[in-house]
Amino acid sequence: MKFKHIASSCIAAAMIITPMESSAGDGLVGGIIGGIIGGAIVNGANQHRYRKAAPRRSTKKSYSGVSTSQRNETREVQVALNYFGFPVGTPDGALGPKSRAAISQYQAMLGFAPSGNLNSWEQELLIQSYYRAQAGGALTAQQVASDPRGTKGLLFAYRDEKLGVAAPGGQMAAAAPQPAAPQAGFAAAGTSAVAAAVPQFGASAAGTALPSFMGQGAAQTSLASHCNKVSLVTNSNGGFVTQVTMKDPAFALSEQFCLARTYAIAQSEELVAKVAGFTPQQITQQCEGFGPVMKDHVAGLSLKSRDEVLKDVSAFVLTSGMAPAQLAGTAKICLGVGYVTDNMDVAIGSALILTTLGDAPYAELLGHHLASGIGTAQRSDLSLPWFDEGFDATSNGAAQVFAPGMVDRPALVRLAAYSSAGRSLPGATVPGAPVPASALPSFAVPGAVANP
């Protein structure tokens, strides 16, 4: 049976991974990469040791093993990051923690996945923007002075111009909040030429997208592209939609979906950084094994009720041969990996495992996928129980996984979900509904004849 190998892999994997500090709700004691992806990582470690034993050849590289051209290219990136207000310190051509953090801030601000690694499109935008700003002279200074965002405003303007959506005359977009009109008619699962024009970090090459499980042979919608589009509208609106300002529930729901995705990616990267001996690329490669294993359960999400899906996944967990804490830790890592690489089977499968293991706040992600139709069929009716699962968990004291500083976020997500589905919140009074007879007032009138 395919899961017999998993149990032995868990033990081997736990022996080669650096123990992590346990945090509330994580249950991460000892190694976190094991089971499904553990065996492959053990094999990778052995190969890595063999490679280290081989004699080293003389190459034209610096003392750090990085070529001079690479260091110069990295130094150029660091100079640009410093200029646009993402401090990295002295540009030294080495990508350390400060540089990675600055890159993530740059990516997050422009709506890219905050991976800490620049893809070619993001790096080209950053470098070209820097040299363009330097060549602009007095015009650049005038643009910076007129935008409250300072030099960061240049990045927005150059990005929009590069995508073909710059303001007329090449002026930078106004930083002031715009009217709510851009939200109107927003399709939750839609894409646009603007969003599709941005090459995504880790996105699959054209023509390699798997057909949907509904049998229509259609390529899946890219969540990364969807979130880039959402970010553009959010920036033009001056910030996130609130319960008070919400006019388009579908767009408000999309904003919160993309925000949750960003937090899931950040959590995954924090965990990956604590795994010793393996590169993020190696772990990403092993997480891809989650997709085929969970594919049937992901397909069932579009066809079955919440309770049926949880029952099926529970049976899988029980036969996996993995300790719950080990499986949960792996799922948290692979959740972010799935979102970074736009592999929805990996991301949704990981969220299913976490929810089944008792991390109910992650059920919100499953509701988002069903409501938007990204990675699943679009089933607003099936999405609501998953949203309720996440909302009830936080209401009953569970730690808020996504944007913990936004205390009213769970209520906003639930309201947007029900409103987008055309439903009223459970227990809410429907305007115009008849008042029950028992609620009618009754007064004793003198002289009135009582019913015999």
Protein backbone atom coordinates (compact mmCIF):
# COMPACT_ATOMS: atom_id res chain seq x y z
CA MET A 1 0.00 0.00 0.00
CA LYS A 2 1.39 3.40 -0.92
CA PHE A 3 1.15 4.76 2.62
CA LYS A 4 3.36 2.01 4.19
CA HIS A 5 6.43 3.83 2.92
CA ILE A 6 5.15 7.06 4.47
CA ALA A 7 5.53 5.92 8.12
CA SER A 8 9.20 5.04 7.75
CA SER A 9 9.81 8.25 5.81
CA CYS A 10 8.43 10.29 8.72
CA ILE A 11 11.07 8.95 11.13
CA ALA A 12 13.92 9.50 8.71
CA ALA A 13 12.77 13.01 7.83
CA ALA A 14 12.38 14.04 11.46
CA MET A 15 15.99 13.06 12.13
CA ILE A 16 17.40 15.41 9.50
CA ILE A 17 15.31 18.51 10.14
CA THR A 18 16.19 21.10 12.75
CA PRO A 19 13.61 21.24 15.58
CA MET A 20 11.38 24.28 15.67
CA GLU A 21 9.94 26.28 18.51
CA SER A 22 6.38 25.32 19.28
CA SER A 23 3.79 28.08 18.92
CA ALA A 24 0.15 28.18 20.01
CA GLY A 25 -1.99 26.00 17.81
CA ASP A 26 0.91 24.77 15.68
CA GLY A 27 1.90 21.68 17.58
CA LEU A 28 5.17 21.75 15.67
CA VAL A 29 7.55 19.72 17.83
CA GLY A 30 10.68 18.40 16.13
CA GLY A 31 10.74 18.02 12.35
CA ILE A 32 7.87 19.34 10.25
CA ILE A 33 8.71 17.97 6.83
CA GLY A 34 7.87 14.28 6.72
CA GLY A 35 5.49 11.66 5.50
CA ILE A 36 4.25 12.41 2.04
CA ILE A 37 7.24 14.55 1.10
CA GLY A 38 9.75 13.36 3.69
CA GLY A 39 11.14 10.37 1.84
CA ALA A 40 11.96 12.43 -1.20
CA ILE A 41 13.76 15.01 0.92
CA VAL A 42 15.82 12.26 2.61
CA ASN A 43 16.90 11.02 -0.80
CA GLY A 44 17.74 14.59 -1.78
CA ALA A 45 19.89 14.95 1.35
CA ASN A 46 21.87 11.83 0.50
CA GLN A 47 22.47 13.08 -3.02
CA HIS A 48 23.51 16.44 -1.59
CA ARG A 49 26.13 14.76 0.63
CA TYR A 50 27.51 12.78 -2.27
CA ARG A 51 27.83 15.93 -4.31
CA LYS A 52 29.73 17.63 -1.49
CA ALA A 53 32.25 14.77 -1.36
CA ALA A 54 33.16 15.25 -5.04
CA PRO A 55 36.32 17.26 -5.75
CA ARG A 56 35.70 20.92 -6.39
CA ARG A 57 36.69 22.43 -9.66
CA SER A 58 38.29 25.81 -10.00
CA THR A 59 35.83 28.43 -11.25
CA LYS A 60 35.96 32.16 -11.78
CA LYS A 61 33.84 33.01 -8.78
CA SER A 62 34.27 35.17 -5.76
CA TYR A 63 35.07 33.84 -2.30
CA SER A 64 31.36 33.38 -1.56
CA GLY A 65 30.76 31.11 -4.55
CA VAL A 66 28.84 33.80 -6.43
CA SER A 67 30.15 35.05 -9.73
CA THR A 68 31.19 38.68 -10.13
CA SER A 69 28.41 39.33 -12.64
CA GLN A 70 25.83 37.95 -10.22
CA ARG A 71 27.12 40.14 -7.40
CA ASN A 72 27.00 43.19 -9.65
CA GLU A 73 23.45 42.37 -10.65
CA THR A 74 22.43 41.90 -7.01
CA ARG A 75 24.14 45.17 -6.06
CA GLU A 76 22.13 46.92 -8.77
CA VAL A 77 18.91 45.51 -7.28
CA GLN A 78 19.96 46.66 -3.79
CA VAL A 79 20.69 50.20 -5.00
CA ALA A 80 17.24 50.38 -6.61
CA LEU A 81 15.54 49.04 -3.48
CA ASN A 82 17.25 51.65 -1.32
CA TYR A 83 16.21 54.43 -3.70
CA PHE A 84 12.52 53.42 -3.65
CA GLY A 85 12.38 53.25 0.13
CA PHE A 86 12.97 49.54 0.79
CA PRO A 87 16.18 49.73 2.87
CA VAL A 88 18.77 46.99 2.51
CA GLY A 89 21.76 48.82 3.98
CA THR A 90 25.03 49.08 2.10
CA PRO A 91 24.73 47.41 -1.34
CA ASP A 92 27.24 44.55 -1.14
CA GLY A 93 25.98 42.19 -3.82
CA ALA A 94 24.92 39.52 -1.29
CA LEU A 95 21.25 38.63 -0.82
CA GLY A 96 20.96 38.49 2.96
CA PRO A 97 17.87 38.67 5.22
CA LYS A 98 17.58 42.45 4.83
CA SER A 99 17.60 42.23 1.05
CA ARG A 100 15.05 39.40 1.05
CA ALA A 101 12.77 41.39 3.37
CA ALA A 102 13.10 44.49 1.18
CA ILE A 103 12.26 42.47 -1.94
CA SER A 104 9.18 41.03 -0.21
CA GLN A 105 8.05 44.54 0.75
CA TYR A 106 8.50 45.71 -2.84
CA GLN A 107 6.54 42.71 -4.15
CA ALA A 108 3.73 43.05 -1.64
CA MET A 109 3.31 46.78 -2.30
CA LEU A 110 2.85 46.20 -6.04
CA GLY A 111 0.57 43.19 -5.61
CA PHE A 112 3.09 40.46 -6.43
CA ALA A 113 3.56 37.33 -4.35
CA PRO A 114 5.96 38.38 -1.53
CA SER A 115 8.40 35.51 -2.05
CA GLY A 116 11.64 37.41 -1.44
CA ASN A 117 12.87 36.22 -4.83
CA LEU A 118 12.48 38.43 -7.88
CA ASN A 119 11.29 36.90 -11.11
CA SER A 120 12.57 38.44 -14.36
CA TRP A 121 9.54 40.72 -14.83
CA GLU A 122 9.68 42.10 -11.28
CA GLN A 123 13.45 42.65 -11.45
CA GLU A 124 13.22 44.34 -14.83
CA LEU A 125 10.51 46.70 -13.57
CA LEU A 126 12.58 47.58 -10.49
CA ILE A 127 15.84 48.25 -12.34
CA GLN A 128 14.29 50.08 -15.29
CA SER A 129 12.27 52.25 -12.90
CA TYR A 130 15.42 53.20 -11.01
CA TYR A 131 17.37 54.26 -14.10
CA ARG A 132 14.35 56.05 -15.52
CA ALA A 133 13.96 58.00 -12.29
CA GLN A 134 17.66 58.91 -12.30
CA ALA A 135 17.42 60.13 -15.89
CA GLY A 136 14.29 62.16 -15.18
CA GLY A 137 16.10 64.90 -13.32
CA ALA A 138 13.83 67.80 -12.38
CA LEU A 139 10.73 66.05 -13.77
CA THR A 140 11.32 63.10 -11.45
CA ALA A 141 11.78 65.42 -8.48
CA GLN A 142 8.51 67.16 -9.35
CA GLN A 143 6.63 63.85 -9.60
CA VAL A 144 8.02 62.64 -6.28
CA ALA A 145 7.13 65.91 -4.55
CA SER A 146 3.55 65.82 -5.86
CA ASP A 147 2.85 62.26 -4.65
CA PRO A 148 2.43 61.54 -0.90
CA ARG A 149 3.98 58.11 -1.50
CA GLY A 150 7.26 59.73 -2.53
CA THR A 151 9.55 57.63 -4.68
CA LYS A 152 7.23 54.63 -4.25
CA GLY A 153 4.68 56.52 -6.31
CA LEU A 154 7.06 56.29 -9.26
CA LEU A 155 6.91 52.50 -9.10
CA PHE A 156 3.12 52.53 -9.36
CA ALA A 157 3.23 54.94 -12.28
CA TYR A 158 5.93 53.02 -14.17
CA ARG A 159 4.21 49.70 -13.50
CA ASP A 160 0.86 50.95 -14.77
CA GLU A 161 2.50 52.47 -17.83
CA LYS A 162 4.33 49.20 -18.50
CA LEU A 163 0.99 47.39 -18.34
CA GLY A 164 -0.71 49.95 -20.57
CA VAL A 165 -2.97 51.42 -17.88
CA ALA A 166 -1.08 54.64 -17.06
CA ALA A 167 -2.99 57.87 -16.65
CA PRO A 168 -3.28 60.08 -19.75
CA GLY A 169 -0.19 62.20 -20.40
CA GLY A 170 2.04 59.84 -18.43
CA GLN A 171 1.17 61.45 -15.09
CA MET A 172 1.32 59.42 -11.94
CA ALA A 173 -1.99 58.13 -10.65
CA ALA A 174 -3.50 60.24 -7.91
CA ALA A 175 -2.84 58.89 -4.43
CA ALA A 176 -6.14 60.15 -3.02
CA PRO A 177 -8.92 57.56 -2.56
CA GLN A 178 -11.06 57.20 -5.64
CA PRO A 179 -14.83 56.81 -5.78
CA ALA A 180 -16.16 53.31 -5.22
CA ALA A 181 -17.31 53.05 -8.84
CA PRO A 182 -14.38 50.84 -9.98
CA GLN A 183 -15.82 48.07 -7.78
CA ALA A 184 -19.04 47.85 -9.75
CA GLY A 185 -19.50 44.77 -11.82
CA PHE A 186 -16.34 43.07 -10.56
CA ALA A 187 -16.37 39.37 -11.42
CA ALA A 188 -14.85 37.32 -8.60
CA ALA A 189 -13.27 34.74 -10.88
CA GLY A 190 -12.60 37.03 -13.84
CA THR A 191 -9.33 37.99 -15.41
CA SER A 192 -8.32 40.91 -17.54
CA ALA A 193 -5.70 41.78 -20.11
CA VAL A 194 -3.96 43.88 -17.48
CA ALA A 195 -3.76 41.01 -14.97
CA ALA A 196 -2.78 38.48 -17.61
CA ALA A 197 0.05 40.72 -18.81
CA VAL A 198 2.01 40.25 -15.58
CA PRO A 199 4.18 37.10 -15.63
CA GLN A 200 3.64 35.34 -12.30
CA PHE A 201 6.30 33.95 -9.99
CA GLY A 202 6.40 30.20 -10.49
CA ALA A 203 3.42 30.16 -12.86
CA SER A 204 3.13 27.17 -15.16
CA ALA A 205 4.15 27.63 -18.78
CA ALA A 206 1.43 28.17 -21.33
CA GLY A 207 -0.23 24.97 -22.41
CA THR A 208 0.72 22.97 -19.31
CA ALA A 209 -2.34 23.79 -17.20
CA LEU A 210 -4.26 20.67 -16.25
CA PRO A 211 -7.88 20.34 -17.41
CA SER A 212 -10.47 20.97 -14.73
CA PHE A 213 -12.00 18.00 -12.95
CA MET A 214 -15.38 19.04 -14.38
CA GLY A 215 -14.21 17.54 -17.68
CA GLN A 216 -14.47 20.69 -19.78
CA GLY A 217 -10.76 20.85 -20.57
CA ALA A 218 -10.57 24.52 -19.59
CA ALA A 219 -7.42 25.94 -18.04
CA GLN A 220 -7.72 27.00 -14.42
CA THR A 221 -7.87 30.67 -13.55
CA SER A 222 -4.63 32.01 -12.10
CA LEU A 223 -5.12 33.18 -8.51
CA ALA A 224 -1.89 35.19 -8.73
CA SER A 225 -3.20 37.12 -11.73
CA HIS A 226 -6.56 37.57 -10.04
CA CYS A 227 -4.90 39.04 -6.95
CA ASN A 228 -2.79 41.39 -9.07
CA LYS A 229 -5.98 42.78 -10.57
CA VAL A 230 -7.57 43.10 -7.13
CA SER A 231 -4.49 44.96 -5.89
CA LEU A 232 -4.74 47.50 -8.71
CA VAL A 233 -8.35 48.31 -7.83
CA THR A 234 -7.64 48.39 -4.09
CA ASN A 235 -4.83 50.88 -4.64
CA SER A 236 -7.05 53.11 -6.77
CA ASN A 237 -9.75 52.98 -4.09
CA GLY A 238 -7.31 54.10 -1.41
CA GLY A 239 -7.52 51.00 0.75
CA PHE A 240 -9.51 47.91 1.65
CA VAL A 241 -13.29 47.80 1.62
CA THR A 242 -14.95 47.79 5.06
CA GLN A 243 -18.44 46.77 6.19
CA VAL A 244 -19.45 50.42 6.05
CA THR A 245 -18.06 51.16 2.57
CA MET A 246 -18.90 47.81 0.95
CA LYS A 247 -20.90 48.21 -2.26
CA ASP A 248 -19.70 45.19 -4.22
CA PRO A 249 -19.61 42.13 -1.90
CA ALA A 250 -17.82 40.00 -4.53
CA PHE A 251 -14.95 42.46 -4.69
CA ALA A 252 -14.74 42.78 -0.89
CA LEU A 253 -14.56 38.99 -0.71
CA SER A 254 -11.81 38.92 -3.34
CA GLU A 255 -9.76 41.47 -1.37
CA GLN A 256 -9.93 39.32 1.73
CA PHE A 257 -9.14 36.17 -0.26
CA CYS A 258 -5.96 37.75 -1.61
CA LEU A 259 -5.06 39.08 1.83
CA ALA A 260 -5.43 35.58 3.31
CA ARG A 261 -3.27 34.20 0.49
CA THR A 262 -0.52 36.70 1.35
CA TYR A 263 -0.54 35.66 5.02
CA ALA A 264 -0.48 31.96 4.08
CA ILE A 265 2.58 32.57 1.89
CA ALA A 266 4.34 34.55 4.63
CA GLN A 267 3.68 31.83 7.23
CA SER A 268 5.00 29.18 4.86
CA GLU A 269 8.20 31.13 4.21
CA GLU A 270 8.80 31.58 7.94
CA LEU A 271 8.56 27.82 8.45
CA VAL A 272 10.74 27.04 5.44
CA ALA A 273 13.44 29.35 6.82
CA LYS A 274 13.66 27.13 9.91
CA VAL A 275 14.20 23.93 7.96
CA ALA A 276 17.95 23.25 7.91
CA GLY A 277 19.81 21.64 5.06
CA PHE A 278 17.37 22.23 2.21
CA THR A 279 16.73 25.06 -0.17
CA PRO A 280 13.25 26.54 -0.69
CA GLN A 281 13.42 25.17 -4.23
CA GLN A 282 13.90 21.62 -2.94
CA ILE A 283 10.97 21.94 -0.55
CA THR A 284 8.81 23.44 -3.29
CA GLN A 285 9.57 20.48 -5.52
CA GLN A 286 8.59 18.02 -2.80
CA CYS A 287 5.36 19.90 -1.97
CA GLU A 288 4.22 19.29 -5.53
CA GLY A 289 3.59 15.71 -4.39
CA PHE A 290 0.66 16.98 -2.33
CA GLY A 291 -1.31 17.77 -5.48
CA PRO A 292 -1.76 14.25 -6.93
CA VAL A 293 -2.42 12.77 -3.47
CA MET A 294 -5.17 15.29 -2.65
CA LYS A 295 -6.58 15.77 -6.16
CA ASP A 296 -9.69 13.59 -5.62
CA HIS A 297 -10.51 15.36 -2.36
CA VAL A 298 -10.10 18.75 -4.05
CA ALA A 299 -12.48 17.59 -6.77
CA GLY A 300 -15.00 16.48 -4.15
CA LEU A 301 -15.03 19.98 -2.70
CA SER A 302 -17.11 21.13 -5.68
CA LEU A 303 -19.58 18.26 -5.46
CA LYS A 304 -20.09 17.32 -1.83
CA SER A 305 -21.22 19.00 1.35
CA ARG A 306 -18.72 20.23 3.91
CA ASP A 307 -19.39 17.30 6.26
CA GLU A 308 -18.92 14.74 3.48
CA VAL A 309 -15.64 16.29 2.40
CA LEU A 310 -14.32 16.42 5.98
CA LYS A 311 -15.27 12.77 6.46
CA ASP A 312 -13.36 11.74 3.33
CA VAL A 313 -10.26 13.73 4.26
CA SER A 314 -10.39 12.38 7.83
CA ALA A 315 -10.20 8.85 6.42
CA PHE A 316 -7.16 9.88 4.39
CA VAL A 317 -5.45 11.37 7.46
CA LEU A 318 -6.05 8.21 9.49
CA THR A 319 -4.46 6.01 6.83
CA SER A 320 -1.56 8.35 6.05
CA GLY A 321 0.68 6.98 8.78
CA MET A 322 1.69 10.51 9.82
CA ALA A 323 1.41 12.11 13.23
CA PRO A 324 -1.17 14.96 13.16
CA ALA A 325 1.41 17.61 14.17
CA GLN A 326 3.78 16.44 11.46
CA LEU A 327 1.05 16.45 8.81
CA ALA A 328 -0.19 19.89 9.94
CA GLY A 329 3.31 21.36 9.75
CA THR A 330 3.82 19.97 6.26
CA ALA A 331 0.43 21.30 5.17
CA LYS A 332 1.22 24.82 6.41
CA ILE A 333 4.42 24.86 4.39
CA CYS A 334 2.80 23.42 1.27
CA LEU A 335 -0.18 25.78 1.54
CA GLY A 336 2.07 28.77 0.88
CA VAL A 337 4.05 26.88 -1.74
CA GLY A 338 0.83 26.09 -3.60
CA TYR A 339 -0.16 29.76 -3.65
CA VAL A 340 3.28 30.96 -4.73
CA THR A 341 3.44 28.46 -7.59
CA ASP A 342 -0.25 28.89 -8.45
CA ASN A 343 -0.82 25.15 -7.91
CA MET A 344 -4.37 25.07 -6.61
CA ASP A 345 -4.42 21.32 -5.96
CA VAL A 346 -1.50 21.74 -3.54
CA ALA A 347 -2.96 24.85 -1.87
CA ILE A 348 -6.53 23.58 -1.53
CA GLY A 349 -5.39 20.11 -0.49
CA SER A 350 -3.24 21.65 2.25
CA ALA A 351 -6.14 23.81 3.48
CA LEU A 352 -8.38 20.72 3.57
CA ILE A 353 -5.87 18.85 5.72
CA LEU A 354 -5.45 21.76 8.13
CA THR A 355 -9.22 22.18 8.53
CA THR A 356 -9.71 18.46 9.06
CA LEU A 357 -6.98 18.40 11.72
CA GLY A 358 -8.85 21.04 13.72
CA ASP A 359 -7.36 24.31 12.42
CA ALA A 360 -10.85 25.53 11.54
CA PRO A 361 -9.86 29.13 10.63
CA TYR A 362 -8.28 27.70 7.46
CA ALA A 363 -11.79 26.68 6.34
CA GLU A 364 -12.20 30.27 5.17
CA LEU A 365 -9.82 29.54 2.29
CA LEU A 366 -12.03 26.70 1.07
CA GLY A 367 -15.00 29.05 1.10
CA HIS A 368 -13.04 31.58 -0.96
CA HIS A 369 -12.10 29.00 -3.59
CA LEU A 370 -15.70 27.85 -3.98
CA ALA A 371 -17.05 31.41 -4.03
CA SER A 372 -14.55 32.56 -6.67
CA GLY A 373 -14.37 29.38 -8.75
CA ILE A 374 -10.55 29.41 -8.63
CA GLY A 375 -9.26 25.86 -8.32
CA THR A 376 -12.79 24.52 -7.92
CA ALA A 377 -16.17 24.91 -9.54
CA GLN A 378 -17.89 28.15 -8.57
CA ARG A 379 -20.38 27.03 -5.91
CA SER A 380 -21.51 29.86 -3.65
CA ASP A 381 -24.05 27.52 -2.04
CA LEU A 382 -21.33 25.11 -0.95
CA SER A 383 -18.99 27.92 0.11
CA LEU A 384 -21.15 29.28 2.94
CA PRO A 385 -20.74 26.33 5.37
CA TRP A 386 -16.96 26.65 5.00
CA PHE A 387 -17.10 30.38 5.71
CA ASP A 388 -19.27 29.63 8.73
CA GLU A 389 -16.74 27.06 9.93
CA GLY A 390 -13.96 29.65 9.91
CA PHE A 391 -16.12 32.38 11.45
CA ASP A 392 -17.41 30.15 14.25
CA ALA A 393 -13.88 29.07 15.12
CA THR A 394 -12.62 32.62 15.63
CA SER A 395 -15.83 33.59 17.43
CA ASN A 396 -15.24 30.73 19.87
CA GLY A 397 -11.71 31.86 20.69
CA ALA A 398 -9.52 30.30 18.00
CA ALA A 399 -6.54 32.44 16.98
CA GLN A 400 -7.19 34.58 13.92
CA VAL A 401 -4.81 33.14 11.31
CA PHE A 402 -5.14 35.82 8.64
CA ALA A 403 -4.61 39.52 9.40
CA PRO A 404 -4.94 39.10 13.19
CA GLY A 405 -4.79 42.88 13.63
CA MET A 406 -8.10 43.33 11.78
CA VAL A 407 -10.47 42.34 14.58
CA ASP A 408 -13.58 42.93 12.47
CA ARG A 409 -12.28 40.91 9.51
CA PRO A 410 -14.15 37.62 10.24
CA ALA A 411 -17.46 39.50 10.35
CA LEU A 412 -16.62 41.34 7.12
CA VAL A 413 -15.74 38.11 5.31
CA ARG A 414 -18.95 36.42 6.43
CA LEU A 415 -21.15 39.38 5.50
CA ALA A 416 -19.51 39.67 2.07
CA ALA A 417 -19.86 35.92 1.48
CA TYR A 418 -23.57 35.81 2.28
CA SER A 419 -24.30 39.05 0.42
CA SER A 420 -22.39 37.85 -2.64
CA ALA A 421 -24.41 34.61 -2.61
CA GLY A 422 -27.66 36.56 -2.34
CA ARG A 423 -28.39 35.23 1.14
CA SER A 424 -29.14 36.94 4.43
CA LEU A 425 -26.96 36.29 7.44
CA PRO A 426 -28.41 33.60 9.72
CA GLY A 427 -30.54 35.26 12.37
CA ALA A 428 -30.70 38.59 10.55
CA THR A 429 -34.06 40.31 10.24
CA VAL A 430 -35.27 40.51 6.65
CA PRO A 431 -36.69 43.97 5.80
CA GLY A 432 -40.42 43.82 5.12
CA ALA A 433 -40.92 40.43 6.74
CA PRO A 434 -44.28 40.00 8.53
CA VAL A 435 -44.24 40.36 12.32
CA PRO A 436 -45.20 37.08 14.05
CA ALA A 437 -48.66 37.09 15.65
CA SER A 438 -47.13 36.35 19.03
CA ALA A 439 -45.31 39.66 18.83
CA LEU A 440 -48.52 41.72 18.50
CA PRO A 441 -49.34 43.84 21.57
CA SER A 442 -52.38 42.94 23.68
CA PHE A 443 -54.25 45.43 25.90
CA ALA A 444 -57.21 44.91 28.24
CA VAL A 445 -60.00 47.24 27.09
CA PRO A 446 -62.68 48.13 29.69
CA GLY A 447 -66.13 46.85 28.71
CA ALA A 448 -64.79 44.49 26.08
CA VAL A 449 -66.48 41.10 25.94
CA ALA A 450 -64.10 38.22 26.37
CA ASN A 451 -64.30 35.26 24.04
CA PRO A 452 -66.75 32.72 25.41
